């Protein structure tokens, strides 16, 4: 896709969703490793006053370094809460999150909403 096509598609999607504070990449893709494409997204976020959270689902995301170059703050996921869907695993991940927060002063976590009764 061209830069104009990306901007148009993402802008249309944002307009459809309604007022939002930011966006993130939910699944790993080559897109978040492509500086040229990510620059389009980060510039669009800055223009719209949105934050960008990189889920860090790919081995080499460029968003944080690119955001630094563009003077645009990019958040990055520190850990996934629910990489294993058991109550015990969630407790361990929360403990990891507390450790991470104590180490760097904050933690960014991503989890999925689930309605599985076997977790409780």
C-alpha atoms as a PDB file:
ATOM      1  CA  UNK A   1       0.000   0.000   0.000  1.00  0.00           C
ATOM      2  CA  UNK A   2       1.115   3.537  -0.640  1.00  0.00           C
ATOM      3  CA  UNK A   3       1.511   6.071   2.150  1.00  0.00           C
ATOM      4  CA  UNK A   4      -1.733   7.780   1.077  1.00  0.00           C
ATOM      5  CA  UNK A   5      -3.601   4.466   1.072  1.00  0.00           C
ATOM      6  CA  UNK A   6      -2.339   3.624   4.556  1.00  0.00           C
ATOM      7  CA  UNK A   7      -3.242   7.061   5.921  1.00  0.00           C
ATOM      8  CA  UNK A   8      -6.688   6.903   4.332  1.00  0.00           C
ATOM      9  CA  UNK A   9      -7.461   3.390   5.573  1.00  0.00           C
ATOM     10  CA  UNK A  10      -6.232   3.988   9.120  1.00  0.00           C
ATOM     11  CA  UNK A  11      -7.984   7.378   9.312  1.00  0.00           C
ATOM     12  CA  UNK A  12     -11.248   5.854   8.077  1.00  0.00           C
ATOM     13  CA  UNK A  13     -10.984   3.067  10.637  1.00  0.00           C
ATOM     14  CA  UNK A  14     -10.300   5.544  13.440  1.00  0.00           C
ATOM     15  CA  UNK A  15     -13.263   7.670  12.355  1.00  0.00           C
ATOM     16  CA  UNK A  16     -15.481   4.577  12.336  1.00  0.00           C
ATOM     17  CA  UNK A  17     -14.454   3.470  15.810  1.00  0.00           C
ATOM     18  CA  UNK A  18     -15.101   6.884  17.297  1.00  0.00           C
ATOM     19  CA  UNK A  19     -13.125   8.835  19.849  1.00  0.00           C
ATOM     20  CA  UNK A  20     -10.027   6.918  20.903  1.00  0.00           C
ATOM     21  CA  UNK A  21      -6.920   7.787  22.921  1.00  0.00           C
ATOM     22  CA  UNK A  22      -4.521   5.680  20.921  1.00  0.00           C
ATOM     23  CA  UNK A  23      -3.815   2.531  18.978  1.00  0.00           C
ATOM     24  CA  UNK A  24      -1.573  -0.488  19.004  1.00  0.00           C
ATOM     25  CA  UNK A  25      -0.593  -3.382  16.813  1.00  0.00           C
ATOM     26  CA  UNK A  26      -2.411  -6.426  18.106  1.00  0.00           C
ATOM     27  CA  UNK A  27      -0.664  -9.141  16.139  1.00  0.00           C
ATOM     28  CA  UNK A  28       2.879  -9.496  14.971  1.00  0.00           C
ATOM     29  CA  UNK A  29       3.513  -8.461  11.422  1.00  0.00           C
ATOM     30  CA  UNK A  30       6.215  -7.320   9.096  1.00  0.00           C
ATOM     31  CA  UNK A  31       4.546  -3.897   9.238  1.00  0.00           C
ATOM     32  CA  UNK A  32       5.885  -3.027  12.708  1.00  0.00           C
ATOM     33  CA  UNK A  33       9.396  -3.924  11.548  1.00  0.00           C
ATOM     34  CA  UNK A  34       9.146  -1.577   8.562  1.00  0.00           C
ATOM     35  CA  UNK A  35      10.393   1.919   9.466  1.00  0.00           C
ATOM     36  CA  UNK A  36       8.895   3.554   6.369  1.00  0.00           C
ATOM     37  CA  UNK A  37       5.400   2.193   7.083  1.00  0.00           C
ATOM     38  CA  UNK A  38       5.577   2.793  10.831  1.00  0.00           C
ATOM     39  CA  UNK A  39       6.602   6.392  10.265  1.00  0.00           C
ATOM     40  CA  UNK A  40       3.302   6.918   8.445  1.00  0.00           C
ATOM     41  CA  UNK A  41       1.406   5.538  11.428  1.00  0.00           C
ATOM     42  CA  UNK A  42       3.378   7.463  14.059  1.00  0.00           C
ATOM     43  CA  UNK A  43       3.007  10.733  12.162  1.00  0.00           C
ATOM     44  CA  UNK A  44      -0.727  10.101  11.849  1.00  0.00           C
ATOM     45  CA  UNK A  45      -0.922   9.419  15.590  1.00  0.00           C
ATOM     46  CA  UNK A  46       0.904  12.648  16.357  1.00  0.00           C
ATOM     47  CA  UNK A  47      -1.375  14.651  14.037  1.00  0.00           C
ATOM     48  CA  UNK A  48      -4.456  13.194  15.731  1.00  0.00           C
ATOM     49  CA  UNK A  49      -3.120  13.468  19.276  1.00  0.00           C
ATOM     50  CA  UNK A  50      -3.098   9.688  19.739  1.00  0.00           C
ATOM     51  CA  UNK A  51      -0.665   7.507  21.589  1.00  0.00           C
ATOM     52  CA  UNK A  52       0.864   4.405  20.075  1.00  0.00           C
ATOM     53  CA  UNK A  53       1.492   1.231  22.032  1.00  0.00           C
ATOM     54  CA  UNK A  54       3.718  -1.352  20.402  1.00  0.00           C
ATOM     55  CA  UNK A  55       2.623  -4.820  21.492  1.00  0.00           C
ATOM     56  CA  UNK A  56       6.139  -6.070  20.759  1.00  0.00           C
ATOM     57  CA  UNK A  57       4.881  -9.202  19.073  1.00  0.00           C
ATOM     58  CA  UNK A  58       7.659  -9.161  16.487  1.00  0.00           C
ATOM     59  CA  UNK A  59      11.359  -9.719  17.099  1.00  0.00           C
ATOM     60  CA  UNK A  60      12.520  -6.305  15.903  1.00  0.00           C
ATOM     61  CA  UNK A  61       9.859  -3.586  16.163  1.00  0.00           C
ATOM     62  CA  UNK A  62      11.060  -0.169  15.033  1.00  0.00           C
ATOM     63  CA  UNK A  63       8.385   1.979  16.662  1.00  0.00           C
ATOM     64  CA  UNK A  64      10.271   3.020  19.810  1.00  0.00           C
ATOM     65  CA  UNK A  65      13.491   4.035  18.054  1.00  0.00           C
ATOM     66  CA  UNK A  66      11.506   5.687  15.279  1.00  0.00           C
ATOM     67  CA  UNK A  67       9.344   7.511  17.813  1.00  0.00           C
ATOM     68  CA  UNK A  68      12.500   8.834  19.475  1.00  0.00           C
ATOM     69  CA  UNK A  69      13.774  10.088  16.124  1.00  0.00           C
ATOM     70  CA  UNK A  70      10.416  11.756  15.409  1.00  0.00           C
ATOM     71  CA  UNK A  71      10.188  13.180  18.949  1.00  0.00           C
ATOM     72  CA  UNK A  72       6.986  11.211  19.483  1.00  0.00           C
ATOM     73  CA  UNK A  73       6.641   9.042  22.595  1.00  0.00           C
ATOM     74  CA  UNK A  74       5.827   5.409  21.877  1.00  0.00           C
ATOM     75  CA  UNK A  75       4.808   3.003  24.613  1.00  0.00           C
ATOM     76  CA  UNK A  76       5.894  -0.617  24.432  1.00  0.00           C
ATOM     77  CA  UNK A  77       4.426  -3.692  26.005  1.00  0.00           C
ATOM     78  CA  UNK A  78       6.571  -5.086  28.799  1.00  0.00           C
ATOM     79  CA  UNK A  79       4.714  -8.356  29.232  1.00  0.00           C
ATOM     80  CA  UNK A  80       1.618 -10.278  28.227  1.00  0.00           C
ATOM     81  CA  UNK A  81      -0.524 -11.248  31.189  1.00  0.00           C
ATOM     82  CA  UNK A  82      -2.285 -14.185  29.657  1.00  0.00           C
ATOM     83  CA  UNK A  83       0.214 -16.075  27.563  1.00  0.00           C
ATOM     84  CA  UNK A  84      -1.058 -19.110  29.501  1.00  0.00           C
ATOM     85  CA  UNK A  85      -4.715 -19.218  30.452  1.00  0.00           C
ATOM     86  CA  UNK A  86      -4.640 -20.614  33.970  1.00  0.00           C
ATOM     87  CA  UNK A  87      -5.287 -18.804  37.213  1.00  0.00           C
ATOM     88  CA  UNK A  88      -1.874 -19.818  38.560  1.00  0.00           C
ATOM     89  CA  UNK A  89      -0.104 -18.543  35.437  1.00  0.00           C
ATOM     90  CA  UNK A  90      -1.944 -15.208  35.702  1.00  0.00           C
ATOM     91  CA  UNK A  91      -0.822 -14.826  39.321  1.00  0.00           C
ATOM     92  CA  UNK A  92       2.785 -15.501  38.342  1.00  0.00           C
ATOM     93  CA  UNK A  93       2.568 -12.952  35.542  1.00  0.00           C
ATOM     94  CA  UNK A  94       1.145 -10.361  37.945  1.00  0.00           C
ATOM     95  CA  UNK A  95       4.105 -11.032  40.241  1.00  0.00           C
ATOM     96  CA  UNK A  96       6.409 -10.529  37.240  1.00  0.00           C
ATOM     97  CA  UNK A  97       4.613  -7.265  36.519  1.00  0.00           C
ATOM     98  CA  UNK A  98       5.154  -6.031  40.071  1.00  0.00           C
ATOM     99  CA  UNK A  99       8.838  -6.874  39.821  1.00  0.00           C
ATOM    100  CA  UNK A 100       9.083  -5.043  36.498  1.00  0.00           C
ATOM    101  CA  UNK A 101       7.255  -1.991  37.903  1.00  0.00           C
ATOM    102  CA  UNK A 102       9.563  -1.861  40.921  1.00  0.00           C
ATOM    103  CA  UNK A 103      12.576  -2.095  38.629  1.00  0.00           C
ATOM    104  CA  UNK A 104      11.680   0.619  36.110  1.00  0.00           C
ATOM    105  CA  UNK A 105       8.985   2.591  37.955  1.00  0.00           C
ATOM    106  CA  UNK A 106       6.087   1.441  35.781  1.00  0.00           C
ATOM    107  CA  UNK A 107       4.940  -1.517  33.731  1.00  0.00           C
ATOM    108  CA  UNK A 108       2.901  -1.797  30.548  1.00  0.00           C
ATOM    109  CA  UNK A 109       0.905  -5.022  30.323  1.00  0.00           C
ATOM    110  CA  UNK A 110      -1.418  -6.425  27.706  1.00  0.00           C
ATOM    111  CA  UNK A 111      -4.102  -8.973  28.456  1.00  0.00           C
ATOM    112  CA  UNK A 112      -7.223 -10.267  26.825  1.00  0.00           C
ATOM    113  CA  UNK A 113     -10.701 -10.207  28.267  1.00  0.00           C
ATOM    114  CA  UNK A 114     -12.013 -13.720  28.651  1.00  0.00           C
ATOM    115  CA  UNK A 115     -15.165 -15.212  30.059  1.00  0.00           C
ATOM    116  CA  UNK A 116     -13.756 -18.636  30.817  1.00  0.00           C
ATOM    117  CA  UNK A 117     -15.202 -19.784  34.129  1.00  0.00           C
ATOM    118  CA  UNK A 118     -12.509 -22.435  34.517  1.00  0.00           C
ATOM    119  CA  UNK A 119      -9.995 -19.691  35.336  1.00  0.00           C
ATOM    120  CA  UNK A 120     -11.711 -18.694  38.564  1.00  0.00           C
END
